[in-house]
C-alpha atoms as a PDB file:
ATOM      1  CA  MET A   1       0.000   0.000   0.000  1.00  0.00           C
ATOM      2  CA  ARG A   2       1.574   3.220  -1.130  1.00  0.00           C
ATOM      3  CA  ARG A   3       1.744   5.966   1.465  1.00  0.00           C
ATOM      4  CA  HIS A   4       1.697   9.665   0.635  1.00  0.00           C
ATOM      5  CA  GLU A   5       3.681  11.113   3.490  1.00  0.00           C
ATOM      6  CA  TYR A   6       5.303  14.390   4.320  1.00  0.00           C
ATOM      7  CA  ARG A   7       8.120  14.018   6.841  1.00  0.00           C
ATOM      8  CA  PRO A   8       9.444  17.305   8.204  1.00  0.00           C
ATOM      9  CA  PRO A   9      13.206  17.685   8.516  1.00  0.00           C
ATOM     10  CA  ARG A  10      14.762  17.483  11.947  1.00  0.00           C
ATOM     11  CA  ARG A  11      16.253  20.900  11.538  1.00  0.00           C
ATOM     12  CA  ARG A  12      14.556  23.775   9.843  1.00  0.00           C
ATOM     13  CA  SER A  13      14.905  27.508   9.799  1.00  0.00           C
ATOM     14  CA  ARG A  14      12.248  29.394  11.712  1.00  0.00           C
ATOM     15  CA  LEU A  15      10.631  32.705  10.920  1.00  0.00           C
ATOM     16  CA  THR A  16      10.743  35.317  13.631  1.00  0.00           C
ATOM     17  CA  ARG A  17       7.523  36.912  14.822  1.00  0.00           C
ATOM     18  CA  ARG A  18       8.424  40.039  12.903  1.00  0.00           C
ATOM     19  CA  GLY A  19       9.218  37.945   9.856  1.00  0.00           C
ATOM     20  CA  ARG A  20       5.865  36.160  10.035  1.00  0.00           C
ATOM     21  CA  LEU A  21       4.016  39.461  10.296  1.00  0.00           C
ATOM     22  CA  ALA A  22       5.974  41.009   7.438  1.00  0.00           C
ATOM     23  CA  LEU A  23       5.365  37.965   5.265  1.00  0.00           C
ATOM     24  CA  PHE A  24       1.645  37.938   6.037  1.00  0.00           C
ATOM     25  CA  LEU A  25       1.168  41.641   5.363  1.00  0.00           C
ATOM     26  CA  GLY A  26       3.397  41.541   2.321  1.00  0.00           C
ATOM     27  CA  MET A  27       1.392  38.751   0.732  1.00  0.00           C
ATOM     28  CA  LEU A  28      -1.950  40.458   1.304  1.00  0.00           C
ATOM     29  CA  LEU A  29      -0.796  43.899   0.222  1.00  0.00           C
ATOM     30  CA  ALA A  30       0.968  42.572  -2.838  1.00  0.00           C
ATOM     31  CA  THR A  31      -1.915  40.469  -4.094  1.00  0.00           C
ATOM     32  CA  GLY A  32      -5.251  41.726  -2.850  1.00  0.00           C
ATOM     33  CA  ALA A  33      -8.200  39.541  -1.947  1.00  0.00           C
ATOM     34  CA  LEU A  34     -10.319  39.588  -5.092  1.00  0.00           C
ATOM     35  CA  ILE A  35      -9.078  39.559  -8.663  1.00  0.00           C
ATOM     36  CA  ALA A  36     -10.874  40.307 -11.896  1.00  0.00           C
ATOM     37  CA  VAL A  37      -8.907  38.543 -14.607  1.00  0.00           C
ATOM     38  CA  PRO A  38      -9.184  40.207 -18.024  1.00  0.00           C
ATOM     39  CA  MET A  39      -9.627  38.074 -21.123  1.00  0.00           C
ATOM     40  CA  LEU A  40      -8.624  39.680 -24.394  1.00  0.00           C
ATOM     41  CA  ARG A  41     -11.237  39.136 -27.100  1.00  0.00           C
ATOM     42  CA  GLY A  42     -11.949  40.388 -30.576  1.00  0.00           C
ATOM     43  CA  ALA A  43     -13.354  43.801 -31.437  1.00  0.00           C
ATOM     44  CA  ASP A  44     -16.814  42.334 -32.088  1.00  0.00           C
ATOM     45  CA  GLU A  45     -17.032  41.449 -28.404  1.00  0.00           C
ATOM     46  CA  ALA A  46     -15.942  44.845 -27.158  1.00  0.00           C
ATOM     47  CA  ALA A  47     -19.533  46.047 -26.844  1.00  0.00           C
ATOM     48  CA  GLU A  48     -20.645  43.052 -24.798  1.00  0.00           C
ATOM     49  CA  LYS A  49     -20.744  43.709 -21.087  1.00  0.00           C
ATOM     50  CA  PRO A  50     -19.137  40.739 -19.336  1.00  0.00           C
ATOM     51  CA  ARG A  51     -20.774  38.878 -16.525  1.00  0.00           C
ATOM     52  CA  HIS A  52     -18.646  37.672 -13.631  1.00  0.00           C
ATOM     53  CA  LEU A  53     -18.159  34.199 -12.271  1.00  0.00           C
ATOM     54  CA  LEU A  54     -17.269  34.385  -8.580  1.00  0.00           C
ATOM     55  CA  ILE A  55     -15.355  31.427  -7.174  1.00  0.00           C
ATOM     56  CA  PRO A  56     -15.318  31.674  -3.355  1.00  0.00           C
ATOM     57  CA  GLU A  57     -12.493  30.331  -1.218  1.00  0.00           C
ATOM     58  CA  GLY A  58     -12.667  26.658  -0.334  1.00  0.00           C
ATOM     59  CA  ARG A  59     -14.453  25.358  -3.436  1.00  0.00           C
ATOM     60  CA  ARG A  60     -13.421  21.928  -4.674  1.00  0.00           C
ATOM     61  CA  ALA A  61     -12.560  21.361  -8.326  1.00  0.00           C
ATOM     62  CA  PRO A  62     -15.855  19.547  -9.121  1.00  0.00           C
ATOM     63  CA  GLU A  63     -17.758  22.486  -7.606  1.00  0.00           C
ATOM     64  CA  VAL A  64     -15.770  24.920  -9.755  1.00  0.00           C
ATOM     65  CA  TYR A  65     -16.449  22.820 -12.847  1.00  0.00           C
ATOM     66  CA  ALA A  66     -20.178  22.860 -12.084  1.00  0.00           C
ATOM     67  CA  ALA A  67     -20.121  26.645 -11.618  1.00  0.00           C
ATOM     68  CA  ILE A  68     -18.370  27.083 -14.974  1.00  0.00           C
ATOM     69  CA  ASP A  69     -20.922  24.871 -16.723  1.00  0.00           C
ATOM     70  CA  ARG A  70     -23.777  26.869 -15.187  1.00  0.00           C
ATOM     71  CA  VAL A  71     -22.446  30.313 -16.048  1.00  0.00           C
ATOM     72  CA  LEU A  72     -21.623  29.275 -19.614  1.00  0.00           C
ATOM     73  CA  GLY A  73     -24.881  27.393 -20.072  1.00  0.00           C
ATOM     74  CA  LEU A  74     -23.101  24.168 -21.001  1.00  0.00           C
ATOM     75  CA  PRO A  75     -24.037  20.533 -20.326  1.00  0.00           C
ATOM     76  CA  ALA A  76     -22.863  19.157 -16.993  1.00  0.00           C
ATOM     77  CA  GLY A  77     -19.356  17.732 -17.278  1.00  0.00           C
ATOM     78  CA  SER A  78     -18.158  20.156 -19.977  1.00  0.00           C
ATOM     79  CA  ALA A  79     -15.635  21.954 -17.756  1.00  0.00           C
ATOM     80  CA  LYS A  80     -14.394  18.682 -16.285  1.00  0.00           C
ATOM     81  CA  THR A  81     -13.737  17.385 -19.793  1.00  0.00           C
ATOM     82  CA  ALA A  82     -11.963  20.623 -20.685  1.00  0.00           C
ATOM     83  CA  ALA A  83      -9.756  20.322 -17.603  1.00  0.00           C
ATOM     84  CA  ALA A  84      -8.511  16.954 -18.840  1.00  0.00           C
ATOM     85  CA  THR A  85      -7.424  18.353 -22.203  1.00  0.00           C
ATOM     86  CA  ALA A  86      -6.496  21.982 -21.496  1.00  0.00           C
ATOM     87  CA  VAL A  87      -2.828  22.879 -21.216  1.00  0.00           C
ATOM     88  CA  LEU A  88      -2.689  24.153 -17.628  1.00  0.00           C
ATOM     89  CA  ASP A  89       0.484  25.514 -16.056  1.00  0.00           C
ATOM     90  CA  LEU A  90       0.402  23.274 -12.994  1.00  0.00           C
ATOM     91  CA  PRO A  91       3.281  22.201 -10.725  1.00  0.00           C
ATOM     92  CA  ALA A  92       4.824  18.861 -11.677  1.00  0.00           C
ATOM     93  CA  GLU A  93       3.675  17.490  -8.302  1.00  0.00           C
ATOM     94  CA  ALA A  94       0.056  18.066  -9.323  1.00  0.00           C
ATOM     95  CA  LYS A  95       0.338  15.438 -12.097  1.00  0.00           C
ATOM     96  CA  GLY A  96      -2.217  17.316 -14.163  1.00  0.00           C
ATOM     97  CA  ASN A  97      -4.766  17.645 -11.350  1.00  0.00           C
ATOM     98  CA  PRO A  98      -5.833  21.315 -10.983  1.00  0.00           C
ATOM     99  CA  GLU A  99      -7.304  20.837  -7.497  1.00  0.00           C
ATOM    100  CA  GLY A 100      -6.049  23.666  -5.306  1.00  0.00           C
ATOM    101  CA  PHE A 101      -5.046  25.846  -8.276  1.00  0.00           C
ATOM    102  CA  LEU A 102      -8.453  27.054  -9.462  1.00  0.00           C
ATOM    103  CA  PHE A 103      -7.892  30.315  -7.680  1.00  0.00           C
ATOM    104  CA  PRO A 104     -10.872  31.895  -5.874  1.00  0.00           C
ATOM    105  CA  ALA A 105     -11.608  35.209  -7.554  1.00  0.00           C
ATOM    106  CA  ALA A 106     -14.065  37.012  -9.855  1.00  0.00           C
ATOM    107  CA  TYR A 107     -13.655  36.087 -13.527  1.00  0.00           C
ATOM    108  CA  PRO A 108     -15.257  37.943 -16.466  1.00  0.00           C
ATOM    109  CA  VAL A 109     -17.408  35.824 -18.758  1.00  0.00           C
ATOM    110  CA  THR A 110     -18.821  36.646 -22.192  1.00  0.00           C
ATOM    111  CA  SER A 111     -20.878  34.710 -24.702  1.00  0.00           C
ATOM    112  CA  ARG A 112     -17.683  33.386 -26.300  1.00  0.00           C
ATOM    113  CA  THR A 113     -15.807  32.382 -23.167  1.00  0.00           C
ATOM    114  CA  THR A 114     -14.822  28.721 -23.121  1.00  0.00           C
ATOM    115  CA  PRO A 115     -14.257  26.426 -20.137  1.00  0.00           C
ATOM    116  CA  ALA A 116     -10.608  26.033 -21.131  1.00  0.00           C
ATOM    117  CA  GLU A 117     -10.127  29.811 -21.054  1.00  0.00           C
ATOM    118  CA  LEU A 118     -11.624  30.087 -17.590  1.00  0.00           C
ATOM    119  CA  LEU A 119      -9.593  27.180 -16.242  1.00  0.00           C
ATOM    120  CA  THR A 120      -6.406  28.602 -17.753  1.00  0.00           C
ATOM    121  CA  ALA A 121      -7.132  31.994 -16.187  1.00  0.00           C
ATOM    122  CA  MET A 122      -7.744  30.401 -12.791  1.00  0.00           C
ATOM    123  CA  VAL A 123      -4.500  28.449 -12.822  1.00  0.00           C
ATOM    124  CA  ARG A 124      -2.578  31.447 -14.145  1.00  0.00           C
ATOM    125  CA  THR A 125      -3.973  33.579 -11.323  1.00  0.00           C
ATOM    126  CA  ALA A 126      -3.042  30.914  -8.781  1.00  0.00           C
ATOM    127  CA  ASN A 127       0.514  30.971 -10.053  1.00  0.00           C
ATOM    128  CA  GLU A 128       0.636  34.764  -9.962  1.00  0.00           C
ATOM    129  CA  LYS A 129      -0.811  35.036  -6.458  1.00  0.00           C
ATOM    130  CA  LEU A 130       0.446  31.908  -4.727  1.00  0.00           C
ATOM    131  CA  ALA A 131       3.625  30.843  -6.518  1.00  0.00           C
ATOM    132  CA  THR A 132       5.522  33.821  -5.118  1.00  0.00           C
ATOM    133  CA  LYS A 133       8.901  34.158  -3.477  1.00  0.00           C
ATOM    134  CA  ALA A 134       7.163  34.804  -0.157  1.00  0.00           C
ATOM    135  CA  VAL A 135       5.335  31.487  -0.384  1.00  0.00           C
ATOM    136  CA  ALA A 136       8.435  29.644  -1.579  1.00  0.00           C
ATOM    137  CA  ASP A 137      10.535  31.083   1.250  1.00  0.00           C
ATOM    138  CA  GLY A 138       7.822  30.353   3.803  1.00  0.00           C
ATOM    139  CA  ALA A 139       7.440  26.805   2.538  1.00  0.00           C
ATOM    140  CA  ARG A 140      11.177  26.238   2.683  1.00  0.00           C
ATOM    141  CA  ALA A 141      11.266  27.515   6.254  1.00  0.00           C
ATOM    142  CA  HIS A 142       8.886  24.696   7.193  1.00  0.00           C
ATOM    143  CA  GLY A 143      10.626  22.057   5.091  1.00  0.00           C
ATOM    144  CA  MET A 144       7.851  21.948   2.485  1.00  0.00           C
ATOM    145  CA  THR A 145       7.468  22.507  -1.213  1.00  0.00           C
ATOM    146  CA  PRO A 146       5.053  25.204  -2.442  1.00  0.00           C
ATOM    147  CA  TYR A 147       2.696  22.428  -3.582  1.00  0.00           C
ATOM    148  CA  GLN A 148       2.672  20.877  -0.116  1.00  0.00           C
ATOM    149  CA  THR A 149       2.035  24.337   1.290  1.00  0.00           C
ATOM    150  CA  ALA A 150      -0.952  24.728  -1.033  1.00  0.00           C
ATOM    151  CA  THR A 151      -2.202  21.352   0.222  1.00  0.00           C
ATOM    152  CA  LEU A 152      -1.814  22.501   3.823  1.00  0.00           C
ATOM    153  CA  ALA A 153      -3.551  25.789   3.015  1.00  0.00           C
ATOM    154  CA  SER A 154      -6.497  23.903   1.518  1.00  0.00           C
ATOM    155  CA  ILE A 155      -6.925  22.036   4.820  1.00  0.00           C
ATOM    156  CA  ILE A 156      -6.768  25.322   6.724  1.00  0.00           C
ATOM    157  CA  GLU A 157      -9.394  26.778   4.387  1.00  0.00           C
ATOM    158  CA  ALA A 158     -11.722  23.841   5.032  1.00  0.00           C
ATOM    159  CA  GLU A 159     -11.135  23.521   8.778  1.00  0.00           C
ATOM    160  CA  ALA A 160     -10.992  27.096  10.077  1.00  0.00           C
ATOM    161  CA  ASP A 161     -14.295  28.475  11.327  1.00  0.00           C
ATOM    162  CA  SER A 162     -13.101  32.020  10.617  1.00  0.00           C
ATOM    163  CA  ALA A 163     -10.155  33.862   9.136  1.00  0.00           C
ATOM    164  CA  ALA A 164      -9.059  34.733  12.676  1.00  0.00           C
ATOM    165  CA  ASP A 165      -8.629  31.012  13.437  1.00  0.00           C
ATOM    166  CA  MET A 166      -6.535  30.179  10.384  1.00  0.00           C
ATOM    167  CA  GLY A 167      -3.168  30.856  12.000  1.00  0.00           C
ATOM    168  CA  LYS A 168      -3.981  28.574  14.934  1.00  0.00           C
ATOM    169  CA  VAL A 169      -5.332  25.804  12.698  1.00  0.00           C
ATOM    170  CA  ALA A 170      -2.112  26.061  10.690  1.00  0.00           C
ATOM    171  CA  ARG A 171      -0.103  25.728  13.893  1.00  0.00           C
ATOM    172  CA  VAL A 172      -1.993  22.564  14.866  1.00  0.00           C
ATOM    173  CA  VAL A 173      -1.170  21.016  11.491  1.00  0.00           C
ATOM    174  CA  HIS A 174       2.494  22.029  11.709  1.00  0.00           C
ATOM    175  CA  ASN A 175       2.768  20.744  15.281  1.00  0.00           C
ATOM    176  CA  ARG A 176       1.239  17.402  14.336  1.00  0.00           C
ATOM    177  CA  LEU A 177       3.497  17.013  11.321  1.00  0.00           C
ATOM    178  CA  ALA A 178       6.544  17.797  13.449  1.00  0.00           C
ATOM    179  CA  ARG A 179       5.552  15.041  15.883  1.00  0.00           C
ATOM    180  CA  SER A 180       4.668  12.528  13.145  1.00  0.00           C
ATOM    181  CA  MET A 181       1.095  12.487  14.436  1.00  0.00           C
ATOM    182  CA  PRO A 182      -1.736  11.709  12.024  1.00  0.00           C
ATOM    183  CA  LEU A 183      -3.542  14.934  11.141  1.00  0.00           C
ATOM    184  CA  GLN A 184      -6.962  13.327  11.761  1.00  0.00           C
ATOM    185  CA  MET A 185      -8.777  16.049   9.827  1.00  0.00           C
ATOM    186  CA  ASP A 186     -12.441  15.502   9.002  1.00  0.00           C
ATOM    187  CA  SER A 187     -12.045  17.785   5.982  1.00  0.00           C
ATOM    188  CA  THR A 188      -9.716  15.349   4.215  1.00  0.00           C
ATOM    189  CA  LEU A 189     -12.032  12.453   5.026  1.00  0.00           C
ATOM    190  CA  ASN A 190     -14.976  14.440   3.683  1.00  0.00           C
ATOM    191  CA  TYR A 191     -13.003  15.009   0.495  1.00  0.00           C
ATOM    192  CA  ALA A 192     -12.432  11.272   0.134  1.00  0.00           C
ATOM    193  CA  LEU A 193     -16.170  10.651   0.645  1.00  0.00           C
ATOM    194  CA  ASN A 194     -17.219  13.585  -1.583  1.00  0.00           C
ATOM    195  CA  ARG A 195     -19.320  15.313   1.061  1.00  0.00           C
ATOM    196  CA  HIS A 196     -19.428  18.239   3.503  1.00  0.00           C
ATOM    197  CA  THR A 197     -20.339  17.393   7.092  1.00  0.00           C
ATOM    198  CA  VAL A 198     -19.243  17.756  10.712  1.00  0.00           C
ATOM    199  CA  ASP A 199     -20.488  14.282  11.588  1.00  0.00           C
ATOM    200  CA  THR A 200     -17.884  11.541  11.225  1.00  0.00           C
ATOM    201  CA  LYS A 201     -18.481   7.929  12.179  1.00  0.00           C
ATOM    202  CA  LEU A 202     -15.739   5.759  13.637  1.00  0.00           C
ATOM    203  CA  SER A 203     -16.165   3.285  10.787  1.00  0.00           C
ATOM    204  CA  GLU A 204     -15.503   6.068   8.272  1.00  0.00           C
ATOM    205  CA  THR A 205     -12.112   6.818   9.802  1.00  0.00           C
ATOM    206  CA  ARG A 206     -11.012   3.332   8.706  1.00  0.00           C
ATOM    207  CA  ILE A 207     -11.642   3.709   4.988  1.00  0.00           C
ATOM    208  CA  ASP A 208      -8.743   3.009   2.659  1.00  0.00           C
ATOM    209  CA  SER A 209      -7.983   6.326   1.000  1.00  0.00           C
ATOM    210  CA  PRO A 210      -4.854   8.459   0.638  1.00  0.00           C
ATOM    211  CA  PHE A 211      -7.037  11.324   1.913  1.00  0.00           C
ATOM    212  CA  ASN A 212      -7.885   9.518   5.139  1.00  0.00           C
ATOM    213  CA  THR A 213      -5.602  11.378   7.520  1.00  0.00           C
ATOM    214  CA  TYR A 214      -6.883   9.270  10.405  1.00  0.00           C
ATOM    215  CA  ARG A 215      -5.077   6.221   8.999  1.00  0.00           C
ATOM    216  CA  ARG A 216      -2.241   7.850   7.053  1.00  0.00           C
ATOM    217  CA  GLN A 217       0.395  10.155   8.402  1.00  0.00           C
ATOM    218  CA  GLY A 218       1.361  13.363   6.703  1.00  0.00           C
ATOM    219  CA  LEU A 219      -0.423  15.568   4.229  1.00  0.00           C
ATOM    220  CA  PRO A 220      -2.853  14.142   1.683  1.00  0.00           C
ATOM    221  CA  PRO A 221      -1.455  13.726  -1.851  1.00  0.00           C
ATOM    222  CA  THR A 222      -3.214  16.816  -3.265  1.00  0.00           C
ATOM    223  CA  PRO A 223      -5.043  19.913  -2.054  1.00  0.00           C
ATOM    224  CA  ILE A 224      -8.679  19.336  -1.089  1.00  0.00           C
ATOM    225  CA  ASP A 225     -10.048  22.705  -2.270  1.00  0.00           C
ATOM    226  CA  SER A 226      -8.983  26.086  -3.616  1.00  0.00           C
ATOM    227  CA  PRO A 227      -7.335  28.034  -0.773  1.00  0.00           C
ATOM    228  CA  GLY A 228      -7.353  31.798  -0.651  1.00  0.00           C
ATOM    229  CA  LEU A 229      -4.640  34.250   0.291  1.00  0.00           C
ATOM    230  CA  ARG A 230      -5.354  34.226   4.017  1.00  0.00           C
ATOM    231  CA  ALA A 231      -5.084  30.443   4.208  1.00  0.00           C
ATOM    232  CA  MET A 232      -1.808  30.492   2.278  1.00  0.00           C
ATOM    233  CA  ALA A 233      -0.462  33.217   4.559  1.00  0.00           C
ATOM    234  CA  ALA A 234      -1.426  31.147   7.601  1.00  0.00           C
ATOM    235  CA  ALA A 235       0.240  28.064   6.136  1.00  0.00           C
ATOM    236  CA  VAL A 236       3.621  29.781   5.845  1.00  0.00           C
ATOM    237  CA  ALA A 237       3.254  31.999   8.924  1.00  0.00           C
ATOM    238  CA  PRO A 238       1.262  30.061  11.552  1.00  0.00           C
ATOM    239  CA  THR A 239       0.416  31.586  14.906  1.00  0.00           C
ATOM    240  CA  PRO A 240       2.960  30.571  17.581  1.00  0.00           C
ATOM    241  CA  GLY A 241       1.588  28.000  20.003  1.00  0.00           C
ATOM    242  CA  LYS A 242       1.743  24.416  21.271  1.00  0.00           C
ATOM    243  CA  TRP A 243      -1.750  23.371  20.218  1.00  0.00           C
ATOM    244  CA  LEU A 244      -2.309  19.854  18.913  1.00  0.00           C
ATOM    245  CA  TYR A 245      -6.116  19.762  18.875  1.00  0.00           C
ATOM    246  CA  PHE A 246      -9.064  21.983  18.080  1.00  0.00           C
ATOM    247  CA  VAL A 247     -12.827  21.716  17.823  1.00  0.00           C
ATOM    248  CA  THR A 248     -15.432  24.260  16.812  1.00  0.00           C
ATOM    249  CA  VAL A 249     -17.857  23.945  19.706  1.00  0.00           C
ATOM    250  CA  LYS A 250     -20.303  26.303  18.013  1.00  0.00           C
ATOM    251  CA  PRO A 251     -20.059  28.928  15.270  1.00  0.00           C
ATOM    252  CA  GLY A 252     -17.562  31.549  16.345  1.00  0.00           C
ATOM    253  CA  ASP A 253     -16.216  29.412  19.198  1.00  0.00           C
ATOM    254  CA  THR A 254     -13.261  27.241  18.141  1.00  0.00           C
ATOM    255  CA  ARG A 255     -11.219  25.936  21.054  1.00  0.00           C
ATOM    256  CA  PHE A 256      -7.577  24.963  20.732  1.00  0.00           C
ATOM    257  CA  SER A 257      -5.833  22.598  23.137  1.00  0.00           C
ATOM    258  CA  ALA A 258      -2.286  21.476  23.801  1.00  0.00           C
ATOM    259  CA  THR A 259      -3.368  18.339  25.691  1.00  0.00           C
ATOM    260  CA  TYR A 260      -5.790  15.568  24.840  1.00  0.00           C
ATOM    261  CA  GLU A 261      -7.441  15.864  28.253  1.00  0.00           C
ATOM    262  CA  GLU A 262      -8.360  19.484  27.610  1.00  0.00           C
ATOM    263  CA  HIS A 263      -9.502  18.618  24.099  1.00  0.00           C
ATOM    264  CA  ARG A 264     -11.834  15.902  25.416  1.00  0.00           C
ATOM    265  CA  LYS A 265     -13.588  18.488  27.604  1.00  0.00           C
ATOM    266  CA  HIS A 266     -14.144  20.704  24.579  1.00  0.00           C
ATOM    267  CA  VAL A 267     -15.426  17.781  22.524  1.00  0.00           C
ATOM    268  CA  ALA A 268     -17.826  16.890  25.349  1.00  0.00           C
ATOM    269  CA  GLU A 269     -19.141  20.460  25.248  1.00  0.00           C
ATOM    270  CA  PHE A 270     -19.546  20.193  21.468  1.00  0.00           C
ATOM    271  CA  ASN A 271     -21.508  16.948  21.840  1.00  0.00           C
ATOM    272  CA  ARG A 272     -23.665  18.423  24.610  1.00  0.00           C
ATOM    273  CA  LEU A 273     -24.594  21.422  22.496  1.00  0.00           C
ATOM    274  CA  ARG A 274     -25.258  19.249  19.439  1.00  0.00           C
ATOM    275  CA  THR A 275     -27.530  16.983  21.458  1.00  0.00           C
ATOM    276  CA  ALA A 276     -29.403  19.944  22.929  1.00  0.00           C
ATOM    277  CA  ASP A 277     -29.761  21.507  19.484  1.00  0.00           C
ATOM    278  CA  ALA A 278     -31.057  18.250  18.011  1.00  0.00           C
ATOM    279  CA  GLY A 279     -33.593  17.995  20.845  1.00  0.00           C
ATOM    280  CA  THR A 280     -34.750  21.563  20.231  1.00  0.00           C
ATOM    281  CA  ARG A 281     -35.192  20.880  16.519  1.00  0.00           C
ATOM    282  CA  MET A 282     -37.150  17.709  17.280  1.00  0.00           C
ATOM    283  CA  VAL A 283     -39.532  19.561  19.606  1.00  0.00           C
ATOM    284  CA  ALA A 284     -39.976  22.301  16.994  1.00  0.00           C
ATOM    285  CA  ASP A 285     -40.694  19.762  14.256  1.00  0.00           C
ATOM    286  CA  ARG A 286     -43.312  18.034  16.389  1.00  0.00           C
ATOM    287  CA  ALA A 287     -44.955  21.348  17.279  1.00  0.00           C
ATOM    288  CA  GLN A 288     -45.148  22.344  13.617  1.00  0.00           C
ATOM    289  CA  GLN A 289     -46.988  19.104  12.847  1.00  0.00           C
ATOM    290  CA  GLN A 290     -49.790  19.898  15.330  1.00  0.00           C
ATOM    291  CA  PRO A 291     -52.608  22.259  14.291  1.00  0.00           C
ATOM    292  CA  GLY A 292     -52.498  25.567  16.089  1.00  0.00           C
ATOM    293  CA  ALA A 293     -49.080  24.932  17.645  1.00  0.00           C
ATOM    294  CA  ARG A 294     -46.581  27.793  17.799  1.00  0.00           C
ATOM    295  CA  THR A 295     -42.822  27.681  17.948  1.00  0.00           C
ATOM    296  CA  GLY A 296     -40.438  30.339  19.064  1.00  0.00           C
END
């Protein structure tokens, strides 16, 4: 069974706090958060006002393909087929898979835009915004390649409840990698199972997949979505800390722990709130089924 593992070096250079801040601010100021990518067309199209396809952060490649098909009015699967034949400037490590490099931004679309043009623009933008010296230097400081950093950033994008939590989530991943601990991220398991959920069964953590980070150590073999600038910045400049665990107890309340004992308490709180919420929904559903009943 082939294993896709990232093993951090025993010695690695470390960014200072000032260096992390400078890198983070430099990346954001140099790139911006939303990009409109121009597509040069013929003079007969000059009068046509372009629409815009917005790709939010964290979208998976199949979701991007579906969005392209919808905005262009094409049969389902058209963009996916185009991705297999288009000449995309992807890293060699990607092996032709554009996952993680369909950069989240706003893209102009006209009546003559093709899926291949959109995909090419997305990958080109990813290279312009993510394949920078800042990212390369930050990746090297953590003993990673830029592609591995993009993979890490995609996990951060999927796992962080808010942008404010991204640096801490990144630190958890880095700390686990440094200790050769399995990442045990539900987001990678969800990717393997082609779903989005916060409910994971024990049996599902045993599936045989290179994206099952419960069974396999290290990063998954590819990104699991399209990370944005903030996630990439967090990947190369994580918040200092000793955290090894985190759980989002409720929206806006993600708790980070350095010990398993503390983490278990937070998980128990998460389960308590989920159970209470499920009970409230059940009572509301029953009330709605009874004539004249009112719910708050």
